[in-house]
Amino acid sequence: MLWNAKNGSVPVDDTTMQYVCFGHGEKNFVILPGLSDGLTTVKGKAVMLAKPYQKFFDHYTVWMFSRKDELPQGCTIREMAADQAAAMEALGIEKASVMGVSQGGMIAQYLAIDHPKLVEKLVLAVTAPQVNDMILDAVGGWMELAEKGDHKQLMIDTAEKSYSPAYLKKYRKLYPLLGHLGKPKDYRRFLANARAILGFDALEDLERIACPVLILAGEEDRIVGVEASFMMQKKIPGSRLHVYKGLGHAAYEEAEDFNERVLRFLEE
């Protein structure tokens, strides 16, 4: 395969962590996805996930990690960051640029705070430095739907809170299919991820992040709120912020220049 796409897993504690990698560059770029990882991991999806990152491949090997397969109830975002550090070290990734999206951005913050030698540059996309009322409302509602097993409404509510009105006009046509697509056998892993978000607060530790940081936000974010990005910029020394006008939490999908902007930052 031209993309050199690979699927794999790495032992962490008494379980495993799934990952995919693609590209052939000498530098490492690690991506940590959001809460949807609690529903379905990256396992077996290397080829499917590789395409948006083709422009990275000459200079980077791109890694995308799931959380651990078996997540204990009561685990914290900080513990997930420690798991991520252990996985990177086990795979011989001594240093990487890291991008965390949404919940992945929360994990990435603590990865840079507690394991600074592993993180060369940091991209924090549509995320927050601590739980806020908007996050409590969104994630709390999703937890209630998961506990009832209402997968269709869980997917619809996630979409409605994430995408722009223009995108939703097209996406709503798929709503009749959402009751089965991506439905897990149970929601324990999703709920463990969600509960970790509800206890997250890294705000007062952000000043310890020493690497270059790019913060990317959606002006109309209805899950974490755009103010969260301004809070991170204020707390992280030297960090830069770009806000996508008219886009929400799914700016990383909808903004045509999102990956190009990330790549320019990494290559500076």
C-alpha atoms as a PDB file:
ATOM      1  CA  MET A   1       0.000   0.000   0.000  1.00  0.00           C
ATOM      2  CA  LEU A   2       1.416   3.371  -1.061  1.00  0.00           C
ATOM      3  CA  TRP A   3       0.274   4.915   2.223  1.00  0.00           C
ATOM      4  CA  ASN A   4       2.142   2.272   4.249  1.00  0.00           C
ATOM      5  CA  ALA A   5      -1.029   1.923   6.328  1.00  0.00           C
ATOM      6  CA  LYS A   6      -0.804  -0.437   9.292  1.00  0.00           C
ATOM      7  CA  ASN A   7      -3.119  -1.626  12.059  1.00  0.00           C
ATOM      8  CA  GLY A   8      -1.745  -2.656  15.416  1.00  0.00           C
ATOM      9  CA  SER A   9      -2.129  -2.896  19.172  1.00  0.00           C
ATOM     10  CA  VAL A  10       0.251  -2.325  22.043  1.00  0.00           C
ATOM     11  CA  PRO A  11       0.103  -3.738  25.592  1.00  0.00           C
ATOM     12  CA  VAL A  12      -0.712  -1.158  28.276  1.00  0.00           C
ATOM     13  CA  ASP A  13      -1.080  -2.349  31.857  1.00  0.00           C
ATOM     14  CA  ASP A  14      -3.208  -5.518  31.763  1.00  0.00           C
ATOM     15  CA  THR A  15      -4.958  -4.715  28.480  1.00  0.00           C
ATOM     16  CA  THR A  16      -4.143  -3.380  25.003  1.00  0.00           C
ATOM     17  CA  MET A  17      -4.439  -0.117  23.100  1.00  0.00           C
ATOM     18  CA  GLN A  18      -5.403  -0.098  19.420  1.00  0.00           C
ATOM     19  CA  TYR A  19      -3.605   2.148  16.948  1.00  0.00           C
ATOM     20  CA  VAL A  20      -3.222   2.765  13.237  1.00  0.00           C
ATOM     21  CA  CYS A  21      -0.279   4.353  11.469  1.00  0.00           C
ATOM     22  CA  PHE A  22       0.387   5.545   7.953  1.00  0.00           C
ATOM     23  CA  GLY A  23       3.014   7.480   6.031  1.00  0.00           C
ATOM     24  CA  HIS A  24       6.772   7.048   5.806  1.00  0.00           C
ATOM     25  CA  GLY A  25       8.298  10.233   7.233  1.00  0.00           C
ATOM     26  CA  GLU A  26      11.036  10.262   9.846  1.00  0.00           C
ATOM     27  CA  LYS A  27       9.076  12.494  12.239  1.00  0.00           C
ATOM     28  CA  ASN A  28       6.082  11.310  14.271  1.00  0.00           C
ATOM     29  CA  PHE A  29       2.654  12.907  14.389  1.00  0.00           C
ATOM     30  CA  VAL A  30       0.263  11.461  16.982  1.00  0.00           C
ATOM     31  CA  ILE A  31      -3.505  12.057  16.806  1.00  0.00           C
ATOM     32  CA  LEU A  32      -5.856  11.486  19.736  1.00  0.00           C
ATOM     33  CA  PRO A  33      -9.567  11.354  18.764  1.00  0.00           C
ATOM     34  CA  GLY A  34     -12.579  12.494  20.754  1.00  0.00           C
ATOM     35  CA  LEU A  35     -15.306  10.848  22.800  1.00  0.00           C
ATOM     36  CA  SER A  36     -16.605   8.839  19.823  1.00  0.00           C
ATOM     37  CA  ASP A  37     -13.619   6.566  20.446  1.00  0.00           C
ATOM     38  CA  GLY A  38     -15.628   5.230  23.374  1.00  0.00           C
ATOM     39  CA  LEU A  39     -18.120   3.781  20.889  1.00  0.00           C
ATOM     40  CA  THR A  40     -15.742   2.351  18.290  1.00  0.00           C
ATOM     41  CA  THR A  41     -11.952   2.202  18.247  1.00  0.00           C
ATOM     42  CA  VAL A  42      -9.556   2.688  15.326  1.00  0.00           C
ATOM     43  CA  LYS A  43      -9.020  -1.075  15.090  1.00  0.00           C
ATOM     44  CA  GLY A  44      -8.698  -2.221  11.483  1.00  0.00           C
ATOM     45  CA  LYS A  45      -9.353   1.238  10.032  1.00  0.00           C
ATOM     46  CA  ALA A  46      -5.870   2.301   8.904  1.00  0.00           C
ATOM     47  CA  VAL A  47      -6.666   2.604   5.198  1.00  0.00           C
ATOM     48  CA  MET A  48      -9.974   4.372   5.847  1.00  0.00           C
ATOM     49  CA  LEU A  49      -8.418   6.907   8.224  1.00  0.00           C
ATOM     50  CA  ALA A  50      -5.263   7.612   6.217  1.00  0.00           C
ATOM     51  CA  LYS A  51      -6.580   9.579   3.249  1.00  0.00           C
ATOM     52  CA  PRO A  52      -7.053  13.019   4.877  1.00  0.00           C
ATOM     53  CA  TYR A  53      -3.408  13.019   6.010  1.00  0.00           C
ATOM     54  CA  GLN A  54      -1.650  12.250   2.715  1.00  0.00           C
ATOM     55  CA  LYS A  55       0.134  15.613   2.680  1.00  0.00           C
ATOM     56  CA  PHE A  56       1.881  14.641   5.928  1.00  0.00           C
ATOM     57  CA  PHE A  57       3.320  11.371   4.652  1.00  0.00           C
ATOM     58  CA  ASP A  58       6.615  12.568   3.156  1.00  0.00           C
ATOM     59  CA  HIS A  59       7.811  14.042   6.429  1.00  0.00           C
ATOM     60  CA  TYR A  60       5.719  12.241   9.053  1.00  0.00           C
ATOM     61  CA  THR A  61       4.605   8.842  10.168  1.00  0.00           C
ATOM     62  CA  VAL A  62       1.084   9.534  11.401  1.00  0.00           C
ATOM     63  CA  TRP A  63      -0.210   7.567  14.378  1.00  0.00           C
ATOM     64  CA  MET A  64      -3.794   7.533  15.621  1.00  0.00           C
ATOM     65  CA  PHE A  65      -4.477   5.929  19.001  1.00  0.00           C
ATOM     66  CA  SER A  66      -7.623   4.759  20.755  1.00  0.00           C
ATOM     67  CA  ARG A  67      -7.940   4.642  24.526  1.00  0.00           C
ATOM     68  CA  LYS A  68      -7.240   1.312  26.205  1.00  0.00           C
ATOM     69  CA  ASP A  69      -9.558  -1.532  25.204  1.00  0.00           C
ATOM     70  CA  GLU A  70     -10.561  -2.106  28.818  1.00  0.00           C
ATOM     71  CA  LEU A  71     -11.163   1.217  30.542  1.00  0.00           C
ATOM     72  CA  PRO A  72     -11.818   1.001  34.276  1.00  0.00           C
ATOM     73  CA  GLN A  73     -14.841   2.934  35.507  1.00  0.00           C
ATOM     74  CA  GLY A  74     -13.576   5.952  37.384  1.00  0.00           C
ATOM     75  CA  CYS A  75     -10.478   6.456  35.240  1.00  0.00           C
ATOM     76  CA  THR A  76      -9.361  10.059  34.741  1.00  0.00           C
ATOM     77  CA  ILE A  77      -8.163  12.105  31.778  1.00  0.00           C
ATOM     78  CA  ARG A  78      -4.764  12.344  33.466  1.00  0.00           C
ATOM     79  CA  GLU A  79      -4.564   8.551  33.711  1.00  0.00           C
ATOM     80  CA  MET A  80      -5.466   8.306  30.008  1.00  0.00           C
ATOM     81  CA  ALA A  81      -2.523  10.602  29.273  1.00  0.00           C
ATOM     82  CA  ALA A  82      -0.250   8.286  31.284  1.00  0.00           C
ATOM     83  CA  ASP A  83      -1.590   5.340  29.253  1.00  0.00           C
ATOM     84  CA  GLN A  84      -0.801   7.250  26.057  1.00  0.00           C
ATOM     85  CA  ALA A  85       2.736   7.960  27.202  1.00  0.00           C
ATOM     86  CA  ALA A  86       3.253   4.280  28.027  1.00  0.00           C
ATOM     87  CA  ALA A  87       1.982   3.247  24.577  1.00  0.00           C
ATOM     88  CA  MET A  88       4.258   5.704  22.784  1.00  0.00           C
ATOM     89  CA  GLU A  89       7.277   4.592  24.758  1.00  0.00           C
ATOM     90  CA  ALA A  90       6.470   0.918  24.104  1.00  0.00           C
ATOM     91  CA  LEU A  91       6.359   1.642  20.359  1.00  0.00           C
ATOM     92  CA  GLY A  92       9.659   3.529  20.432  1.00  0.00           C
ATOM     93  CA  ILE A  93       8.082   6.955  19.812  1.00  0.00           C
ATOM     94  CA  GLU A  94      10.548   9.071  21.755  1.00  0.00           C
ATOM     95  CA  LYS A  95       9.167  12.417  20.588  1.00  0.00           C
ATOM     96  CA  ALA A  96       6.174  13.457  18.472  1.00  0.00           C
ATOM     97  CA  SER A  97       4.023  16.351  17.477  1.00  0.00           C
ATOM     98  CA  VAL A  98       0.617  15.652  19.022  1.00  0.00           C
ATOM     99  CA  MET A  99      -2.883  16.717  18.001  1.00  0.00           C
ATOM    100  CA  GLY A 100      -5.794  16.111  20.340  1.00  0.00           C
ATOM    101  CA  VAL A 101      -9.365  16.621  19.166  1.00  0.00           C
ATOM    102  CA  SER A 102     -12.131  17.332  21.714  1.00  0.00           C
ATOM    103  CA  GLN A 103     -11.626  14.774  24.534  1.00  0.00           C
ATOM    104  CA  GLY A 104      -8.382  13.824  22.806  1.00  0.00           C
ATOM    105  CA  GLY A 105      -7.301  17.435  23.319  1.00  0.00           C
ATOM    106  CA  MET A 106      -7.908  17.082  27.041  1.00  0.00           C
ATOM    107  CA  ILE A 107      -5.672  14.005  27.101  1.00  0.00           C
ATOM    108  CA  ALA A 108      -3.080  15.819  24.980  1.00  0.00           C
ATOM    109  CA  GLN A 109      -2.919  18.660  27.512  1.00  0.00           C
ATOM    110  CA  TYR A 110      -1.914  16.303  30.302  1.00  0.00           C
ATOM    111  CA  LEU A 111       0.443  14.423  27.978  1.00  0.00           C
ATOM    112  CA  ALA A 112       2.331  17.694  27.419  1.00  0.00           C
ATOM    113  CA  ILE A 113       2.119  18.664  31.109  1.00  0.00           C
ATOM    114  CA  ASP A 114       3.222  15.364  32.652  1.00  0.00           C
ATOM    115  CA  HIS A 115       5.381  13.919  29.838  1.00  0.00           C
ATOM    116  CA  PRO A 116       6.986  16.949  28.178  1.00  0.00           C
ATOM    117  CA  LYS A 117       9.881  15.011  26.635  1.00  0.00           C
ATOM    118  CA  LEU A 118       7.423  13.129  24.427  1.00  0.00           C
ATOM    119  CA  VAL A 119       5.718  16.209  22.961  1.00  0.00           C
ATOM    120  CA  GLU A 120       7.532  18.381  20.423  1.00  0.00           C
ATOM    121  CA  LYS A 121       4.560  20.474  19.280  1.00  0.00           C
ATOM    122  CA  LEU A 122       0.934  20.450  20.367  1.00  0.00           C
ATOM    123  CA  VAL A 123      -2.303  21.091  18.469  1.00  0.00           C
ATOM    124  CA  LEU A 124      -5.438  21.441  20.609  1.00  0.00           C
ATOM    125  CA  ALA A 125      -8.573  21.273  18.466  1.00  0.00           C
ATOM    126  CA  VAL A 126     -12.117  22.080  19.638  1.00  0.00           C
ATOM    127  CA  THR A 127     -11.286  21.246  23.235  1.00  0.00           C
ATOM    128  CA  ALA A 128     -11.320  22.831  26.686  1.00  0.00           C
ATOM    129  CA  PRO A 129      -9.007  23.192  29.696  1.00  0.00           C
ATOM    130  CA  GLN A 130     -11.700  22.098  32.148  1.00  0.00           C
ATOM    131  CA  VAL A 131     -15.285  20.929  32.238  1.00  0.00           C
ATOM    132  CA  ASN A 132     -17.825  23.754  31.894  1.00  0.00           C
ATOM    133  CA  ASP A 133     -21.612  24.058  31.882  1.00  0.00           C
ATOM    134  CA  MET A 134     -21.878  23.498  28.135  1.00  0.00           C
ATOM    135  CA  ILE A 135     -19.800  20.305  28.363  1.00  0.00           C
ATOM    136  CA  LEU A 136     -21.802  19.102  31.364  1.00  0.00           C
ATOM    137  CA  ASP A 137     -25.026  19.572  29.444  1.00  0.00           C
ATOM    138  CA  ALA A 138     -23.829  17.861  26.250  1.00  0.00           C
ATOM    139  CA  VAL A 139     -21.943  14.953  27.777  1.00  0.00           C
ATOM    140  CA  GLY A 140     -24.495  14.432  30.541  1.00  0.00           C
ATOM    141  CA  GLY A 141     -27.237  14.165  27.937  1.00  0.00           C
ATOM    142  CA  TRP A 142     -25.247  11.654  25.899  1.00  0.00           C
ATOM    143  CA  MET A 143     -24.637   9.560  28.982  1.00  0.00           C
ATOM    144  CA  GLU A 144     -28.374   9.396  29.651  1.00  0.00           C
ATOM    145  CA  LEU A 145     -29.022   8.271  26.069  1.00  0.00           C
ATOM    146  CA  ALA A 146     -26.239   5.663  26.279  1.00  0.00           C
ATOM    147  CA  GLU A 147     -27.600   4.308  29.557  1.00  0.00           C
ATOM    148  CA  LYS A 148     -30.986   3.864  27.847  1.00  0.00           C
ATOM    149  CA  GLY A 149     -29.352   2.260  24.806  1.00  0.00           C
ATOM    150  CA  ASP A 150     -30.849   4.899  22.505  1.00  0.00           C
ATOM    151  CA  HIS A 151     -28.058   4.839  19.951  1.00  0.00           C
ATOM    152  CA  LYS A 152     -29.972   6.615  17.209  1.00  0.00           C
ATOM    153  CA  GLN A 153     -30.787   9.640  19.350  1.00  0.00           C
ATOM    154  CA  LEU A 154     -27.233   9.663  20.709  1.00  0.00           C
ATOM    155  CA  MET A 155     -25.867   9.940  17.165  1.00  0.00           C
ATOM    156  CA  ILE A 156     -28.450  12.534  16.110  1.00  0.00           C
ATOM    157  CA  ASP A 157     -27.832  14.747  19.142  1.00  0.00           C
ATOM    158  CA  THR A 158     -24.065  14.520  18.607  1.00  0.00           C
ATOM    159  CA  ALA A 159     -24.464  15.559  14.971  1.00  0.00           C
ATOM    160  CA  GLU A 160     -26.850  18.404  15.746  1.00  0.00           C
ATOM    161  CA  LYS A 161     -24.437  19.832  18.322  1.00  0.00           C
ATOM    162  CA  SER A 162     -21.337  19.346  16.149  1.00  0.00           C
ATOM    163  CA  TYR A 163     -22.025  20.418  12.573  1.00  0.00           C
ATOM    164  CA  SER A 164     -22.879  23.689  10.855  1.00  0.00           C
ATOM    165  CA  PRO A 165     -26.412  24.274   9.507  1.00  0.00           C
ATOM    166  CA  ALA A 166     -25.155  23.918   5.918  1.00  0.00           C
ATOM    167  CA  TYR A 167     -23.585  20.542   6.651  1.00  0.00           C
ATOM    168  CA  LEU A 168     -26.623  19.321   8.568  1.00  0.00           C
ATOM    169  CA  LYS A 169     -28.871  19.859   5.553  1.00  0.00           C
ATOM    170  CA  LYS A 170     -26.988  17.033   3.842  1.00  0.00           C
ATOM    171  CA  TYR A 171     -26.244  14.926   6.920  1.00  0.00           C
ATOM    172  CA  ARG A 172     -29.847  14.715   8.168  1.00  0.00           C
ATOM    173  CA  LYS A 173     -30.661  12.466   5.211  1.00  0.00           C
ATOM    174  CA  LEU A 174     -28.635   9.763   6.958  1.00  0.00           C
ATOM    175  CA  TYR A 175     -30.524   9.933  10.267  1.00  0.00           C
ATOM    176  CA  PRO A 176     -32.740   6.897   9.484  1.00  0.00           C
ATOM    177  CA  LEU A 177     -29.569   4.756   9.325  1.00  0.00           C
ATOM    178  CA  LEU A 178     -28.048   5.927  12.593  1.00  0.00           C
ATOM    179  CA  GLY A 179     -29.750   3.428  14.879  1.00  0.00           C
ATOM    180  CA  HIS A 180     -27.338   0.681  13.879  1.00  0.00           C
ATOM    181  CA  LEU A 181     -24.187   2.286  12.450  1.00  0.00           C
ATOM    182  CA  GLY A 182     -21.368   2.133  14.984  1.00  0.00           C
ATOM    183  CA  LYS A 183     -23.552   0.732  17.764  1.00  0.00           C
ATOM    184  CA  PRO A 184     -21.375  -1.014  20.385  1.00  0.00           C
ATOM    185  CA  LYS A 185     -22.261  -4.243  22.176  1.00  0.00           C
ATOM    186  CA  ASP A 186     -22.587  -2.198  25.341  1.00  0.00           C
ATOM    187  CA  TYR A 187     -21.811   1.342  26.455  1.00  0.00           C
ATOM    188  CA  ARG A 188     -19.469   0.702  29.380  1.00  0.00           C
ATOM    189  CA  ARG A 189     -16.403   1.962  27.537  1.00  0.00           C
ATOM    190  CA  PHE A 190     -18.235   5.045  26.274  1.00  0.00           C
ATOM    191  CA  LEU A 191     -19.511   5.830  29.762  1.00  0.00           C
ATOM    192  CA  ALA A 192     -16.037   5.446  31.273  1.00  0.00           C
ATOM    193  CA  ASN A 193     -14.714   7.967  28.722  1.00  0.00           C
ATOM    194  CA  ALA A 194     -17.614  10.346  29.351  1.00  0.00           C
ATOM    195  CA  ARG A 195     -17.288  10.248  33.148  1.00  0.00           C
ATOM    196  CA  ALA A 196     -13.612  11.132  32.835  1.00  0.00           C
ATOM    197  CA  ILE A 197     -14.586  14.318  30.997  1.00  0.00           C
ATOM    198  CA  LEU A 198     -16.950  15.344  33.787  1.00  0.00           C
ATOM    199  CA  GLY A 199     -14.060  15.375  36.268  1.00  0.00           C
ATOM    200  CA  PHE A 200     -11.511  17.093  34.027  1.00  0.00           C
ATOM    201  CA  ASP A 201      -9.708  20.288  35.096  1.00  0.00           C
ATOM    202  CA  ALA A 202      -6.210  21.062  33.806  1.00  0.00           C
ATOM    203  CA  LEU A 203      -6.580  24.861  33.808  1.00  0.00           C
ATOM    204  CA  GLU A 204      -4.073  25.671  36.533  1.00  0.00           C
ATOM    205  CA  ASP A 205      -1.488  23.253  35.083  1.00  0.00           C
ATOM    206  CA  LEU A 206      -1.497  24.699  31.556  1.00  0.00           C
ATOM    207  CA  GLU A 207       1.297  27.169  32.259  1.00  0.00           C
ATOM    208  CA  ARG A 208       3.622  24.146  32.542  1.00  0.00           C
ATOM    209  CA  ILE A 209       3.240  23.373  28.826  1.00  0.00           C
ATOM    210  CA  ALA A 210       6.551  24.448  27.312  1.00  0.00           C
ATOM    211  CA  CYS A 211       6.285  23.314  23.666  1.00  0.00           C
ATOM    212  CA  PRO A 212       4.789  25.406  20.825  1.00  0.00           C
ATOM    213  CA  VAL A 213       0.976  25.187  20.863  1.00  0.00           C
ATOM    214  CA  LEU A 214      -1.660  25.861  18.188  1.00  0.00           C
ATOM    215  CA  ILE A 215      -5.281  26.069  19.366  1.00  0.00           C
ATOM    216  CA  LEU A 216      -8.040  25.592  16.783  1.00  0.00           C
ATOM    217  CA  ALA A 217     -11.663  26.398  17.603  1.00  0.00           C
ATOM    218  CA  GLY A 218     -15.095  26.729  16.060  1.00  0.00           C
ATOM    219  CA  GLU A 219     -16.868  30.036  16.645  1.00  0.00           C
ATOM    220  CA  GLU A 220     -20.226  28.280  17.021  1.00  0.00           C
ATOM    221  CA  ASP A 221     -19.043  25.314  19.105  1.00  0.00           C
ATOM    222  CA  ARG A 222     -22.049  24.002  21.043  1.00  0.00           C
ATOM    223  CA  ILE A 223     -20.176  21.261  22.919  1.00  0.00           C
ATOM    224  CA  VAL A 224     -17.134  22.881  24.551  1.00  0.00           C
ATOM    225  CA  GLY A 225     -17.804  26.532  23.686  1.00  0.00           C
ATOM    226  CA  VAL A 226     -15.379  28.891  21.958  1.00  0.00           C
ATOM    227  CA  GLU A 227     -14.536  30.679  25.216  1.00  0.00           C
ATOM    228  CA  ALA A 228     -12.688  27.549  26.343  1.00  0.00           C
ATOM    229  CA  SER A 229     -10.122  28.119  23.593  1.00  0.00           C
ATOM    230  CA  PHE A 230      -9.517  31.708  24.695  1.00  0.00           C
ATOM    231  CA  MET A 231      -8.969  30.422  28.238  1.00  0.00           C
ATOM    232  CA  MET A 232      -6.328  27.975  26.984  1.00  0.00           C
ATOM    233  CA  GLN A 233      -4.583  30.642  24.936  1.00  0.00           C
ATOM    234  CA  LYS A 234      -4.408  32.903  27.979  1.00  0.00           C
ATOM    235  CA  LYS A 235      -2.939  30.173  30.177  1.00  0.00           C
ATOM    236  CA  ILE A 236      -0.474  28.491  27.771  1.00  0.00           C
ATOM    237  CA  PRO A 237       2.636  30.642  27.251  1.00  0.00           C
ATOM    238  CA  GLY A 238       3.191  31.649  23.625  1.00  0.00           C
ATOM    239  CA  SER A 239       0.220  29.687  22.295  1.00  0.00           C
ATOM    240  CA  ARG A 240      -1.606  30.743  19.134  1.00  0.00           C
ATOM    241  CA  LEU A 241      -5.340  30.585  18.479  1.00  0.00           C
ATOM    242  CA  HIS A 242      -7.307  30.391  15.252  1.00  0.00           C
ATOM    243  CA  VAL A 243     -11.122  30.504  15.366  1.00  0.00           C
ATOM    244  CA  TYR A 244     -13.118  29.207  12.389  1.00  0.00           C
ATOM    245  CA  LYS A 245     -15.970  31.610  11.753  1.00  0.00           C
ATOM    246  CA  GLY A 246     -19.391  30.030  11.315  1.00  0.00           C
ATOM    247  CA  LEU A 247     -18.226  26.519  12.223  1.00  0.00           C
ATOM    248  CA  GLY A 248     -18.824  24.509  15.349  1.00  0.00           C
ATOM    249  CA  HIS A 249     -17.331  21.498  17.094  1.00  0.00           C
ATOM    250  CA  ALA A 250     -16.787  19.644  13.804  1.00  0.00           C
ATOM    251  CA  ALA A 251     -14.524  22.377  12.410  1.00  0.00           C
ATOM    252  CA  TYR A 252     -11.786  19.742  12.084  1.00  0.00           C
ATOM    253  CA  GLU A 253     -14.003  17.986   9.515  1.00  0.00           C
ATOM    254  CA  GLU A 254     -15.662  20.942   7.838  1.00  0.00           C
ATOM    255  CA  ALA A 255     -12.832  23.488   7.493  1.00  0.00           C
ATOM    256  CA  GLU A 256     -11.157  22.869   4.138  1.00  0.00           C
ATOM    257  CA  ASP A 257      -7.793  24.217   5.326  1.00  0.00           C
ATOM    258  CA  PHE A 258      -7.748  22.461   8.701  1.00  0.00           C
ATOM    259  CA  ASN A 259      -5.057  19.864   7.946  1.00  0.00           C
ATOM    260  CA  GLU A 260      -3.034  22.321   5.854  1.00  0.00           C
ATOM    261  CA  ARG A 261      -3.030  24.752   8.779  1.00  0.00           C
ATOM    262  CA  VAL A 262      -1.880  21.996  11.139  1.00  0.00           C
ATOM    263  CA  LEU A 263       0.879  20.908   8.745  1.00  0.00           C
ATOM    264  CA  ARG A 264       2.169  24.478   8.335  1.00  0.00           C
ATOM    265  CA  PHE A 265       2.387  24.776  12.117  1.00  0.00           C
ATOM    266  CA  LEU A 266       4.270  21.497  12.442  1.00  0.00           C
ATOM    267  CA  GLU A 267       6.729  22.450   9.696  1.00  0.00           C
ATOM    268  CA  GLU A 268       7.556  25.938  11.011  1.00  0.00           C
END
